């Protein structure tokens, strides 16, 4: 995935039947938002890009690859 690719950050709360769109935009912006989510809630988030889906661990890995700092 490219850091400038348009993607969707989605959230599914524990016990919820459906997920919801949290944000849409460039991957770097969505990953930065994800890193600002408290650790206790990061498991609720995932990023979709085309048919691919990236969970919390993949998002943390992409953040390191893109040079995005946890703030």
C-alpha atoms as a PDB file:
ATOM      1  CA  UNK A   1       0.000   0.000   0.000  1.00  0.00           C
ATOM      2  CA  UNK A   2       1.151   3.518  -0.759  1.00  0.00           C
ATOM      3  CA  UNK A   3       1.033   6.118   2.021  1.00  0.00           C
ATOM      4  CA  UNK A   4      -0.981   8.427  -0.256  1.00  0.00           C
ATOM      5  CA  UNK A   5      -3.564   5.776  -1.229  1.00  0.00           C
ATOM      6  CA  UNK A   6      -7.193   6.627  -0.480  1.00  0.00           C
ATOM      7  CA  UNK A   7      -8.525   4.182   2.099  1.00  0.00           C
ATOM      8  CA  UNK A   8     -11.175   3.790   4.814  1.00  0.00           C
ATOM      9  CA  UNK A   9     -10.630   3.421   8.539  1.00  0.00           C
ATOM     10  CA  UNK A  10     -13.434   1.364  10.032  1.00  0.00           C
ATOM     11  CA  UNK A  11     -14.413   0.610  13.625  1.00  0.00           C
ATOM     12  CA  UNK A  12     -16.338  -2.291  15.098  1.00  0.00           C
ATOM     13  CA  UNK A  13     -17.066  -2.044  18.798  1.00  0.00           C
ATOM     14  CA  UNK A  14     -17.114  -5.208  20.882  1.00  0.00           C
ATOM     15  CA  UNK A  15     -20.536  -6.817  20.698  1.00  0.00           C
ATOM     16  CA  UNK A  16     -21.672  -4.726  17.723  1.00  0.00           C
ATOM     17  CA  UNK A  17     -23.183  -6.495  14.735  1.00  0.00           C
ATOM     18  CA  UNK A  18     -22.018  -3.918  12.213  1.00  0.00           C
ATOM     19  CA  UNK A  19     -18.916  -1.858  11.779  1.00  0.00           C
ATOM     20  CA  UNK A  20     -18.951   1.810  10.854  1.00  0.00           C
ATOM     21  CA  UNK A  21     -16.840   4.158   8.845  1.00  0.00           C
ATOM     22  CA  UNK A  22     -14.606   6.185  11.153  1.00  0.00           C
ATOM     23  CA  UNK A  23     -12.724   8.141   8.472  1.00  0.00           C
ATOM     24  CA  UNK A  24     -11.892   8.159   4.772  1.00  0.00           C
ATOM     25  CA  UNK A  25      -8.762   9.673   3.278  1.00  0.00           C
ATOM     26  CA  UNK A  26      -5.062   9.134   2.572  1.00  0.00           C
ATOM     27  CA  UNK A  27      -3.595   6.092   4.354  1.00  0.00           C
ATOM     28  CA  UNK A  28      -0.988   8.196   6.192  1.00  0.00           C
ATOM     29  CA  UNK A  29      -3.728  10.358   7.769  1.00  0.00           C
ATOM     30  CA  UNK A  30      -5.803   7.334   8.772  1.00  0.00           C
ATOM     31  CA  UNK A  31      -2.815   5.556  10.293  1.00  0.00           C
ATOM     32  CA  UNK A  32      -1.868   8.674  12.241  1.00  0.00           C
ATOM     33  CA  UNK A  33      -5.432   8.833  13.593  1.00  0.00           C
ATOM     34  CA  UNK A  34      -5.265   5.135  14.501  1.00  0.00           C
ATOM     35  CA  UNK A  35      -2.035   5.710  16.449  1.00  0.00           C
ATOM     36  CA  UNK A  36      -3.773   8.398  18.513  1.00  0.00           C
ATOM     37  CA  UNK A  37      -6.487   5.956  19.604  1.00  0.00           C
ATOM     38  CA  UNK A  38      -5.873   4.591  23.130  1.00  0.00           C
ATOM     39  CA  UNK A  39      -4.183   1.174  23.123  1.00  0.00           C
ATOM     40  CA  UNK A  40      -7.204  -0.325  24.851  1.00  0.00           C
ATOM     41  CA  UNK A  41      -9.397   0.518  21.834  1.00  0.00           C
ATOM     42  CA  UNK A  42      -7.062  -0.098  18.884  1.00  0.00           C
ATOM     43  CA  UNK A  43      -8.382  -3.641  18.476  1.00  0.00           C
ATOM     44  CA  UNK A  44     -11.681  -2.117  17.283  1.00  0.00           C
ATOM     45  CA  UNK A  45     -10.106  -0.497  14.209  1.00  0.00           C
ATOM     46  CA  UNK A  46      -9.063  -1.759  10.806  1.00  0.00           C
ATOM     47  CA  UNK A  47      -8.230  -0.147   7.480  1.00  0.00           C
ATOM     48  CA  UNK A  48      -9.652  -1.182   4.141  1.00  0.00           C
ATOM     49  CA  UNK A  49      -8.002  -0.495   0.812  1.00  0.00           C
ATOM     50  CA  UNK A  50      -9.700  -2.062  -2.178  1.00  0.00           C
ATOM     51  CA  UNK A  51     -10.312  -5.684  -1.216  1.00  0.00           C
ATOM     52  CA  UNK A  52      -7.482  -5.692   1.349  1.00  0.00           C
ATOM     53  CA  UNK A  53      -8.066  -5.275   5.069  1.00  0.00           C
ATOM     54  CA  UNK A  54      -5.380  -4.306   7.602  1.00  0.00           C
ATOM     55  CA  UNK A  55      -5.842  -4.979  11.315  1.00  0.00           C
ATOM     56  CA  UNK A  56      -4.138  -3.240  14.255  1.00  0.00           C
ATOM     57  CA  UNK A  57      -0.820  -5.094  13.961  1.00  0.00           C
ATOM     58  CA  UNK A  58      -0.584  -4.437  10.228  1.00  0.00           C
ATOM     59  CA  UNK A  59      -1.395  -0.751  10.813  1.00  0.00           C
ATOM     60  CA  UNK A  60       1.387  -0.471  13.391  1.00  0.00           C
ATOM     61  CA  UNK A  61       3.768  -2.131  10.915  1.00  0.00           C
ATOM     62  CA  UNK A  62       2.699   0.244   8.125  1.00  0.00           C
ATOM     63  CA  UNK A  63       3.201   3.199  10.478  1.00  0.00           C
ATOM     64  CA  UNK A  64       6.807   2.136  11.033  1.00  0.00           C
ATOM     65  CA  UNK A  65       7.329   1.642   7.275  1.00  0.00           C
ATOM     66  CA  UNK A  66       5.876   5.071   6.482  1.00  0.00           C
ATOM     67  CA  UNK A  67       7.812   6.780   9.299  1.00  0.00           C
ATOM     68  CA  UNK A  68       4.682   7.815  11.174  1.00  0.00           C
ATOM     69  CA  UNK A  69       5.312   8.411  14.869  1.00  0.00           C
ATOM     70  CA  UNK A  70       2.970   7.394  17.689  1.00  0.00           C
ATOM     71  CA  UNK A  71       1.998  10.697  19.354  1.00  0.00           C
END
